[in-house]
């Protein structure tokens, strides 16, 4: 009788383990933020380089998902979710040493240059991270900009974290913050999209050069990760990738 019970429990355990890893692309929850030109919303529809690429990947692997299934949420909320909730994906995320073991990665999607932006009229010069402590710096909560500032030794009191790009642009334009830590391409695209003149702003310091990826919860089946990577590589090697980049002026 004991042997029978042990066999039943063993069979149940194997079944649960198999079920836990039998993931498909349709089992996952996809999350993104306003981060133009990579992911953003126009008239209720998601657009952007990473959105278009992901939809092509869905087609490559035969998934039933589309851009309509992607959730647009604040970055900090998505970042906590993909760290802690199984079957979640967040993008586009800069891959760094500090984040490496927290997620599984598919990419790269495009280069990323994280910089500190300033108004040209202010004439701010930054020679080192230590210089940044003299200023009030805007950032997005849990974004790579905020993380690089804090890990580089910038005081938390010097960082003004908010949840939106628009808030940082307005604060910088009105002098409520002196600097803004963000991806250079995204910052300039967003400044123009918000109706400001990009020529009035400049990058005064580079925090990091890297690349953008799709970040998966670390419990995601490795076979599924490889399936995504193979599909993304195929799209990038085709003419579709250049077309997608060109559509957003990249």
C-alpha atoms as a PDB file:
ATOM      1  CA  UNK A   1       0.000   0.000   0.000  1.00  0.00           C
ATOM      2  CA  UNK A   2       2.841   2.374   0.915  1.00  0.00           C
ATOM      3  CA  UNK A   3       4.564   1.556  -2.363  1.00  0.00           C
ATOM      4  CA  UNK A   4       1.368   2.315  -4.278  1.00  0.00           C
ATOM      5  CA  UNK A   5       1.001   5.699  -2.540  1.00  0.00           C
ATOM      6  CA  UNK A   6       4.619   6.551  -3.296  1.00  0.00           C
ATOM      7  CA  UNK A   7       4.124   5.712  -6.962  1.00  0.00           C
ATOM      8  CA  UNK A   8       0.984   7.857  -7.121  1.00  0.00           C
ATOM      9  CA  UNK A   9       2.768  10.812  -5.496  1.00  0.00           C
ATOM     10  CA  UNK A  10       5.764  10.373  -7.783  1.00  0.00           C
ATOM     11  CA  UNK A  11       3.528  10.296 -10.861  1.00  0.00           C
ATOM     12  CA  UNK A  12       1.691  13.398  -9.647  1.00  0.00           C
ATOM     13  CA  UNK A  13       4.983  15.219  -9.075  1.00  0.00           C
ATOM     14  CA  UNK A  14       6.235  14.363 -12.563  1.00  0.00           C
ATOM     15  CA  UNK A  15       2.946  15.522 -14.080  1.00  0.00           C
ATOM     16  CA  UNK A  16       3.112  18.834 -12.206  1.00  0.00           C
ATOM     17  CA  UNK A  17       6.724  19.405 -13.200  1.00  0.00           C
ATOM     18  CA  UNK A  18       5.945  18.655 -16.844  1.00  0.00           C
ATOM     19  CA  UNK A  19       2.938  20.977 -16.734  1.00  0.00           C
ATOM     20  CA  UNK A  20       4.994  23.785 -15.179  1.00  0.00           C
ATOM     21  CA  UNK A  21       7.428  23.752 -18.069  1.00  0.00           C
ATOM     22  CA  UNK A  22       5.052  22.945 -20.925  1.00  0.00           C
ATOM     23  CA  UNK A  23       4.759  26.599 -21.886  1.00  0.00           C
ATOM     24  CA  UNK A  24       3.842  28.056 -25.235  1.00  0.00           C
ATOM     25  CA  UNK A  25       3.981  31.649 -26.456  1.00  0.00           C
ATOM     26  CA  UNK A  26       0.205  31.837 -25.946  1.00  0.00           C
ATOM     27  CA  UNK A  27       0.598  31.071 -22.214  1.00  0.00           C
ATOM     28  CA  UNK A  28       2.578  34.248 -21.557  1.00  0.00           C
ATOM     29  CA  UNK A  29       1.451  37.728 -20.519  1.00  0.00           C
ATOM     30  CA  UNK A  30       3.218  40.470 -22.504  1.00  0.00           C
ATOM     31  CA  UNK A  31       3.796  43.894 -20.945  1.00  0.00           C
ATOM     32  CA  UNK A  32       5.324  47.103 -22.230  1.00  0.00           C
ATOM     33  CA  UNK A  33       5.454  50.846 -21.523  1.00  0.00           C
ATOM     34  CA  UNK A  34       5.489  54.162 -23.395  1.00  0.00           C
ATOM     35  CA  UNK A  35       9.032  54.110 -24.793  1.00  0.00           C
ATOM     36  CA  UNK A  36       8.977  55.528 -28.325  1.00  0.00           C
ATOM     37  CA  UNK A  37      10.066  54.628 -30.949  1.00  0.00           C
ATOM     38  CA  UNK A  38      10.306  51.096 -29.512  1.00  0.00           C
ATOM     39  CA  UNK A  39       6.883  50.776 -27.884  1.00  0.00           C
ATOM     40  CA  UNK A  40       4.118  53.369 -27.603  1.00  0.00           C
ATOM     41  CA  UNK A  41       0.419  53.901 -28.204  1.00  0.00           C
ATOM     42  CA  UNK A  42      -1.375  55.984 -30.835  1.00  0.00           C
ATOM     43  CA  UNK A  43      -5.178  56.178 -30.854  1.00  0.00           C
ATOM     44  CA  UNK A  44      -5.404  53.151 -28.599  1.00  0.00           C
ATOM     45  CA  UNK A  45      -3.166  50.947 -30.783  1.00  0.00           C
ATOM     46  CA  UNK A  46       0.328  49.846 -29.811  1.00  0.00           C
ATOM     47  CA  UNK A  47       3.101  50.781 -32.233  1.00  0.00           C
ATOM     48  CA  UNK A  48       6.888  50.701 -32.295  1.00  0.00           C
ATOM     49  CA  UNK A  49       9.963  48.720 -33.273  1.00  0.00           C
ATOM     50  CA  UNK A  50       9.691  46.133 -30.504  1.00  0.00           C
ATOM     51  CA  UNK A  51       5.920  45.749 -31.028  1.00  0.00           C
ATOM     52  CA  UNK A  52       6.286  45.152 -34.781  1.00  0.00           C
ATOM     53  CA  UNK A  53       9.176  42.750 -34.214  1.00  0.00           C
ATOM     54  CA  UNK A  54       7.262  40.758 -31.605  1.00  0.00           C
ATOM     55  CA  UNK A  55       4.266  40.426 -33.892  1.00  0.00           C
ATOM     56  CA  UNK A  56       6.587  39.030 -36.611  1.00  0.00           C
ATOM     57  CA  UNK A  57       8.016  36.598 -34.039  1.00  0.00           C
ATOM     58  CA  UNK A  58       4.480  35.473 -33.126  1.00  0.00           C
ATOM     59  CA  UNK A  59       3.891  34.705 -36.802  1.00  0.00           C
ATOM     60  CA  UNK A  60       7.194  32.799 -37.066  1.00  0.00           C
ATOM     61  CA  UNK A  61       6.391  30.485 -34.159  1.00  0.00           C
ATOM     62  CA  UNK A  62       2.709  30.061 -34.984  1.00  0.00           C
ATOM     63  CA  UNK A  63       1.390  31.831 -31.883  1.00  0.00           C
ATOM     64  CA  UNK A  64      -2.169  33.149 -31.735  1.00  0.00           C
ATOM     65  CA  UNK A  65      -1.067  36.333 -29.961  1.00  0.00           C
ATOM     66  CA  UNK A  66      -0.954  39.794 -31.565  1.00  0.00           C
ATOM     67  CA  UNK A  67      -0.243  43.366 -30.482  1.00  0.00           C
ATOM     68  CA  UNK A  68      -3.796  43.522 -29.165  1.00  0.00           C
ATOM     69  CA  UNK A  69      -2.757  41.089 -26.409  1.00  0.00           C
ATOM     70  CA  UNK A  70       0.090  43.287 -25.128  1.00  0.00           C
ATOM     71  CA  UNK A  71      -0.570  45.298 -21.963  1.00  0.00           C
ATOM     72  CA  UNK A  72       0.607  48.920 -21.733  1.00  0.00           C
ATOM     73  CA  UNK A  73       1.469  49.636 -18.077  1.00  0.00           C
ATOM     74  CA  UNK A  74       3.837  51.803 -16.000  1.00  0.00           C
ATOM     75  CA  UNK A  75       7.403  50.484 -16.113  1.00  0.00           C
ATOM     76  CA  UNK A  76       7.791  49.966 -12.352  1.00  0.00           C
ATOM     77  CA  UNK A  77       4.637  47.819 -12.226  1.00  0.00           C
ATOM     78  CA  UNK A  78       5.791  45.697 -15.156  1.00  0.00           C
ATOM     79  CA  UNK A  79       9.303  45.368 -13.752  1.00  0.00           C
ATOM     80  CA  UNK A  80       8.028  43.983 -10.440  1.00  0.00           C
ATOM     81  CA  UNK A  81       5.637  41.651 -12.264  1.00  0.00           C
ATOM     82  CA  UNK A  82       8.237  40.105 -14.570  1.00  0.00           C
ATOM     83  CA  UNK A  83      10.585  39.597 -11.620  1.00  0.00           C
ATOM     84  CA  UNK A  84       8.016  37.805  -9.491  1.00  0.00           C
ATOM     85  CA  UNK A  85       5.200  36.416 -11.630  1.00  0.00           C
ATOM     86  CA  UNK A  86       5.627  33.289 -13.817  1.00  0.00           C
ATOM     87  CA  UNK A  87       4.634  33.438 -17.493  1.00  0.00           C
ATOM     88  CA  UNK A  88       5.382  37.163 -17.898  1.00  0.00           C
ATOM     89  CA  UNK A  89       7.412  39.150 -20.436  1.00  0.00           C
ATOM     90  CA  UNK A  90       8.435  42.829 -20.272  1.00  0.00           C
ATOM     91  CA  UNK A  91      10.033  44.935 -22.982  1.00  0.00           C
ATOM     92  CA  UNK A  92      12.004  46.726 -24.227  1.00  0.00           C
ATOM     93  CA  UNK A  93      14.565  46.309 -21.407  1.00  0.00           C
ATOM     94  CA  UNK A  94      18.240  47.254 -21.385  1.00  0.00           C
ATOM     95  CA  UNK A  95      20.288  44.177 -20.498  1.00  0.00           C
ATOM     96  CA  UNK A  96      22.844  44.882 -17.761  1.00  0.00           C
ATOM     97  CA  UNK A  97      25.113  42.931 -15.422  1.00  0.00           C
ATOM     98  CA  UNK A  98      22.889  43.762 -12.453  1.00  0.00           C
ATOM     99  CA  UNK A  99      19.773  42.479 -14.254  1.00  0.00           C
ATOM    100  CA  UNK A 100      21.400  39.479 -15.949  1.00  0.00           C
ATOM    101  CA  UNK A 101      20.380  36.772 -13.459  1.00  0.00           C
ATOM    102  CA  UNK A 102      16.947  38.264 -12.748  1.00  0.00           C
ATOM    103  CA  UNK A 103      15.457  37.393 -16.147  1.00  0.00           C
ATOM    104  CA  UNK A 104      15.836  35.302 -19.274  1.00  0.00           C
ATOM    105  CA  UNK A 105      16.618  37.282 -22.407  1.00  0.00           C
ATOM    106  CA  UNK A 106      15.709  37.319 -26.096  1.00  0.00           C
ATOM    107  CA  UNK A 107      17.401  39.845 -28.360  1.00  0.00           C
ATOM    108  CA  UNK A 108      19.021  42.170 -29.004  1.00  0.00           C
ATOM    109  CA  UNK A 109      16.332  44.333 -30.564  1.00  0.00           C
ATOM    110  CA  UNK A 110      18.388  47.503 -31.004  1.00  0.00           C
ATOM    111  CA  UNK A 111      21.282  49.406 -29.426  1.00  0.00           C
ATOM    112  CA  UNK A 112      20.659  51.437 -26.279  1.00  0.00           C
ATOM    113  CA  UNK A 113      22.609  54.443 -25.051  1.00  0.00           C
ATOM    114  CA  UNK A 114      21.609  55.626 -21.587  1.00  0.00           C
ATOM    115  CA  UNK A 115      22.533  59.271 -21.123  1.00  0.00           C
ATOM    116  CA  UNK A 116      21.922  62.299 -18.962  1.00  0.00           C
ATOM    117  CA  UNK A 117      19.989  65.005 -20.832  1.00  0.00           C
ATOM    118  CA  UNK A 118      20.041  68.737 -20.106  1.00  0.00           C
ATOM    119  CA  UNK A 119      18.710  71.958 -21.569  1.00  0.00           C
ATOM    120  CA  UNK A 120      21.370  73.454 -23.842  1.00  0.00           C
ATOM    121  CA  UNK A 121      20.687  76.908 -22.438  1.00  0.00           C
ATOM    122  CA  UNK A 122      21.857  75.782 -18.994  1.00  0.00           C
ATOM    123  CA  UNK A 123      25.362  74.944 -20.227  1.00  0.00           C
ATOM    124  CA  UNK A 124      25.771  72.043 -17.802  1.00  0.00           C
ATOM    125  CA  UNK A 125      29.028  70.079 -18.072  1.00  0.00           C
ATOM    126  CA  UNK A 126      29.425  66.642 -16.487  1.00  0.00           C
ATOM    127  CA  UNK A 127      32.848  64.978 -16.268  1.00  0.00           C
ATOM    128  CA  UNK A 128      32.016  62.101 -13.912  1.00  0.00           C
ATOM    129  CA  UNK A 129      29.133  60.454 -12.086  1.00  0.00           C
ATOM    130  CA  UNK A 130      30.225  62.296  -8.938  1.00  0.00           C
ATOM    131  CA  UNK A 131      29.367  65.604 -10.636  1.00  0.00           C
ATOM    132  CA  UNK A 132      25.735  64.506 -10.903  1.00  0.00           C
ATOM    133  CA  UNK A 133      25.201  64.918  -7.157  1.00  0.00           C
ATOM    134  CA  UNK A 134      25.232  68.683  -7.684  1.00  0.00           C
ATOM    135  CA  UNK A 135      21.944  68.478  -9.583  1.00  0.00           C
ATOM    136  CA  UNK A 136      18.351  67.268  -9.349  1.00  0.00           C
ATOM    137  CA  UNK A 137      17.986  64.427 -11.882  1.00  0.00           C
ATOM    138  CA  UNK A 138      14.731  63.079 -13.282  1.00  0.00           C
ATOM    139  CA  UNK A 139      14.248  59.364 -13.949  1.00  0.00           C
ATOM    140  CA  UNK A 140      11.583  56.693 -14.385  1.00  0.00           C
ATOM    141  CA  UNK A 141      11.048  54.426 -11.376  1.00  0.00           C
ATOM    142  CA  UNK A 142      12.888  51.085 -11.761  1.00  0.00           C
ATOM    143  CA  UNK A 143      14.182  52.208 -15.167  1.00  0.00           C
ATOM    144  CA  UNK A 144      17.793  51.598 -16.147  1.00  0.00           C
ATOM    145  CA  UNK A 145      18.496  55.342 -15.819  1.00  0.00           C
ATOM    146  CA  UNK A 146      17.510  55.385 -12.151  1.00  0.00           C
ATOM    147  CA  UNK A 147      19.342  52.111 -11.477  1.00  0.00           C
ATOM    148  CA  UNK A 148      22.577  53.333 -13.086  1.00  0.00           C
ATOM    149  CA  UNK A 149      22.472  56.592 -11.146  1.00  0.00           C
ATOM    150  CA  UNK A 150      22.005  54.885  -7.794  1.00  0.00           C
ATOM    151  CA  UNK A 151      24.494  52.075  -8.446  1.00  0.00           C
ATOM    152  CA  UNK A 152      27.020  54.687  -9.617  1.00  0.00           C
ATOM    153  CA  UNK A 153      26.905  56.475  -6.296  1.00  0.00           C
ATOM    154  CA  UNK A 154      24.409  59.247  -6.966  1.00  0.00           C
ATOM    155  CA  UNK A 155      22.473  60.121  -3.824  1.00  0.00           C
ATOM    156  CA  UNK A 156      18.840  59.012  -3.736  1.00  0.00           C
ATOM    157  CA  UNK A 157      18.002  62.573  -2.655  1.00  0.00           C
ATOM    158  CA  UNK A 158      19.327  63.827  -6.002  1.00  0.00           C
ATOM    159  CA  UNK A 159      17.017  61.547  -8.009  1.00  0.00           C
ATOM    160  CA  UNK A 160      13.469  62.684  -8.779  1.00  0.00           C
ATOM    161  CA  UNK A 161      11.722  59.495  -9.911  1.00  0.00           C
ATOM    162  CA  UNK A 162       8.337  59.553 -11.636  1.00  0.00           C
ATOM    163  CA  UNK A 163       6.239  57.132 -13.672  1.00  0.00           C
ATOM    164  CA  UNK A 164       6.091  58.830 -17.069  1.00  0.00           C
ATOM    165  CA  UNK A 165       8.285  60.260 -19.814  1.00  0.00           C
ATOM    166  CA  UNK A 166       5.994  63.276 -20.193  1.00  0.00           C
ATOM    167  CA  UNK A 167       6.454  64.245 -16.545  1.00  0.00           C
ATOM    168  CA  UNK A 168      10.239  64.255 -16.931  1.00  0.00           C
ATOM    169  CA  UNK A 169      10.148  66.300 -20.138  1.00  0.00           C
ATOM    170  CA  UNK A 170       7.886  68.932 -18.573  1.00  0.00           C
ATOM    171  CA  UNK A 171       9.992  69.131 -15.411  1.00  0.00           C
ATOM    172  CA  UNK A 172      13.199  69.503 -17.427  1.00  0.00           C
ATOM    173  CA  UNK A 173      11.716  72.146 -19.710  1.00  0.00           C
ATOM    174  CA  UNK A 174      10.379  74.158 -16.759  1.00  0.00           C
ATOM    175  CA  UNK A 175      13.546  73.873 -14.675  1.00  0.00           C
ATOM    176  CA  UNK A 176      11.996  71.716 -11.947  1.00  0.00           C
ATOM    177  CA  UNK A 177      14.789  69.210 -12.597  1.00  0.00           C
ATOM    178  CA  UNK A 178      18.254  70.006 -13.950  1.00  0.00           C
ATOM    179  CA  UNK A 179      18.906  66.728 -15.761  1.00  0.00           C
ATOM    180  CA  UNK A 180      17.107  63.632 -17.025  1.00  0.00           C
ATOM    181  CA  UNK A 181      18.598  60.119 -17.149  1.00  0.00           C
ATOM    182  CA  UNK A 182      17.149  58.092 -20.025  1.00  0.00           C
ATOM    183  CA  UNK A 183      17.815  56.342 -23.317  1.00  0.00           C
ATOM    184  CA  UNK A 184      19.054  58.967 -25.791  1.00  0.00           C
ATOM    185  CA  UNK A 185      17.030  57.783 -28.798  1.00  0.00           C
ATOM    186  CA  UNK A 186      13.835  57.525 -26.770  1.00  0.00           C
ATOM    187  CA  UNK A 187      14.367  60.875 -25.045  1.00  0.00           C
ATOM    188  CA  UNK A 188      14.827  62.789 -28.310  1.00  0.00           C
ATOM    189  CA  UNK A 189      11.907  60.982 -29.981  1.00  0.00           C
ATOM    190  CA  UNK A 190       9.649  61.689 -27.001  1.00  0.00           C
ATOM    191  CA  UNK A 191      10.702  65.350 -26.764  1.00  0.00           C
ATOM    192  CA  UNK A 192       9.727  65.905 -30.394  1.00  0.00           C
ATOM    193  CA  UNK A 193       6.497  63.895 -30.014  1.00  0.00           C
ATOM    194  CA  UNK A 194       5.546  66.041 -27.000  1.00  0.00           C
ATOM    195  CA  UNK A 195       5.826  69.208 -29.092  1.00  0.00           C
ATOM    196  CA  UNK A 196       9.183  70.484 -27.850  1.00  0.00           C
ATOM    197  CA  UNK A 197      12.225  71.319 -29.982  1.00  0.00           C
ATOM    198  CA  UNK A 198      14.876  68.572 -29.673  1.00  0.00           C
ATOM    199  CA  UNK A 199      17.519  71.177 -30.569  1.00  0.00           C
ATOM    200  CA  UNK A 200      16.909  72.799 -27.166  1.00  0.00           C
ATOM    201  CA  UNK A 201      18.214  69.689 -25.366  1.00  0.00           C
ATOM    202  CA  UNK A 202      21.497  67.785 -25.356  1.00  0.00           C
ATOM    203  CA  UNK A 203      23.208  64.733 -23.902  1.00  0.00           C
ATOM    204  CA  UNK A 204      25.834  65.813 -21.357  1.00  0.00           C
ATOM    205  CA  UNK A 205      26.999  62.427 -20.049  1.00  0.00           C
ATOM    206  CA  UNK A 206      26.825  58.774 -21.125  1.00  0.00           C
ATOM    207  CA  UNK A 207      25.883  56.378 -18.312  1.00  0.00           C
ATOM    208  CA  UNK A 208      25.976  53.181 -20.374  1.00  0.00           C
ATOM    209  CA  UNK A 209      26.037  51.754 -23.884  1.00  0.00           C
ATOM    210  CA  UNK A 210      24.072  48.531 -24.206  1.00  0.00           C
ATOM    211  CA  UNK A 211      21.206  46.878 -26.060  1.00  0.00           C
ATOM    212  CA  UNK A 212      17.456  46.373 -25.692  1.00  0.00           C
ATOM    213  CA  UNK A 213      15.899  42.927 -25.175  1.00  0.00           C
ATOM    214  CA  UNK A 214      12.665  41.130 -24.392  1.00  0.00           C
ATOM    215  CA  UNK A 215      12.938  40.149 -20.694  1.00  0.00           C
ATOM    216  CA  UNK A 216      11.162  36.954 -19.594  1.00  0.00           C
ATOM    217  CA  UNK A 217      10.439  35.782 -16.057  1.00  0.00           C
ATOM    218  CA  UNK A 218      13.412  33.613 -15.041  1.00  0.00           C
ATOM    219  CA  UNK A 219      11.148  30.554 -14.614  1.00  0.00           C
ATOM    220  CA  UNK A 220      10.276  30.509 -18.325  1.00  0.00           C
ATOM    221  CA  UNK A 221      11.016  27.217 -20.083  1.00  0.00           C
ATOM    222  CA  UNK A 222      14.441  27.381 -21.736  1.00  0.00           C
ATOM    223  CA  UNK A 223      13.080  25.616 -24.816  1.00  0.00           C
ATOM    224  CA  UNK A 224      10.546  28.391 -25.288  1.00  0.00           C
ATOM    225  CA  UNK A 225      13.268  31.027 -24.892  1.00  0.00           C
ATOM    226  CA  UNK A 226      15.293  29.333 -27.630  1.00  0.00           C
ATOM    227  CA  UNK A 227      12.214  29.181 -29.836  1.00  0.00           C
ATOM    228  CA  UNK A 228      11.708  32.940 -29.438  1.00  0.00           C
ATOM    229  CA  UNK A 229      15.392  33.647 -30.076  1.00  0.00           C
ATOM    230  CA  UNK A 230      15.471  31.542 -33.243  1.00  0.00           C
ATOM    231  CA  UNK A 231      12.349  33.271 -34.554  1.00  0.00           C
ATOM    232  CA  UNK A 232      13.698  36.739 -33.743  1.00  0.00           C
ATOM    233  CA  UNK A 233      17.006  35.937 -35.459  1.00  0.00           C
ATOM    234  CA  UNK A 234      15.108  34.822 -38.558  1.00  0.00           C
ATOM    235  CA  UNK A 235      13.115  38.075 -38.655  1.00  0.00           C
ATOM    236  CA  UNK A 236      16.273  40.164 -38.177  1.00  0.00           C
ATOM    237  CA  UNK A 237      18.067  38.332 -40.980  1.00  0.00           C
ATOM    238  CA  UNK A 238      15.175  38.978 -43.357  1.00  0.00           C
ATOM    239  CA  UNK A 239      14.336  42.285 -44.979  1.00  0.00           C
ATOM    240  CA  UNK A 240      11.526  42.818 -42.473  1.00  0.00           C
ATOM    241  CA  UNK A 241      13.880  44.106 -39.775  1.00  0.00           C
ATOM    242  CA  UNK A 242      15.256  46.936 -41.929  1.00  0.00           C
ATOM    243  CA  UNK A 243      11.708  47.867 -42.960  1.00  0.00           C
ATOM    244  CA  UNK A 244      10.595  48.063 -39.325  1.00  0.00           C
ATOM    245  CA  UNK A 245      13.558  50.237 -38.336  1.00  0.00           C
ATOM    246  CA  UNK A 246      13.025  52.485 -41.357  1.00  0.00           C
ATOM    247  CA  UNK A 247       9.362  52.969 -40.523  1.00  0.00           C
ATOM    248  CA  UNK A 248      10.419  54.661 -37.279  1.00  0.00           C
ATOM    249  CA  UNK A 249      13.302  56.655 -38.706  1.00  0.00           C
ATOM    250  CA  UNK A 250      16.052  54.416 -37.367  1.00  0.00           C
END
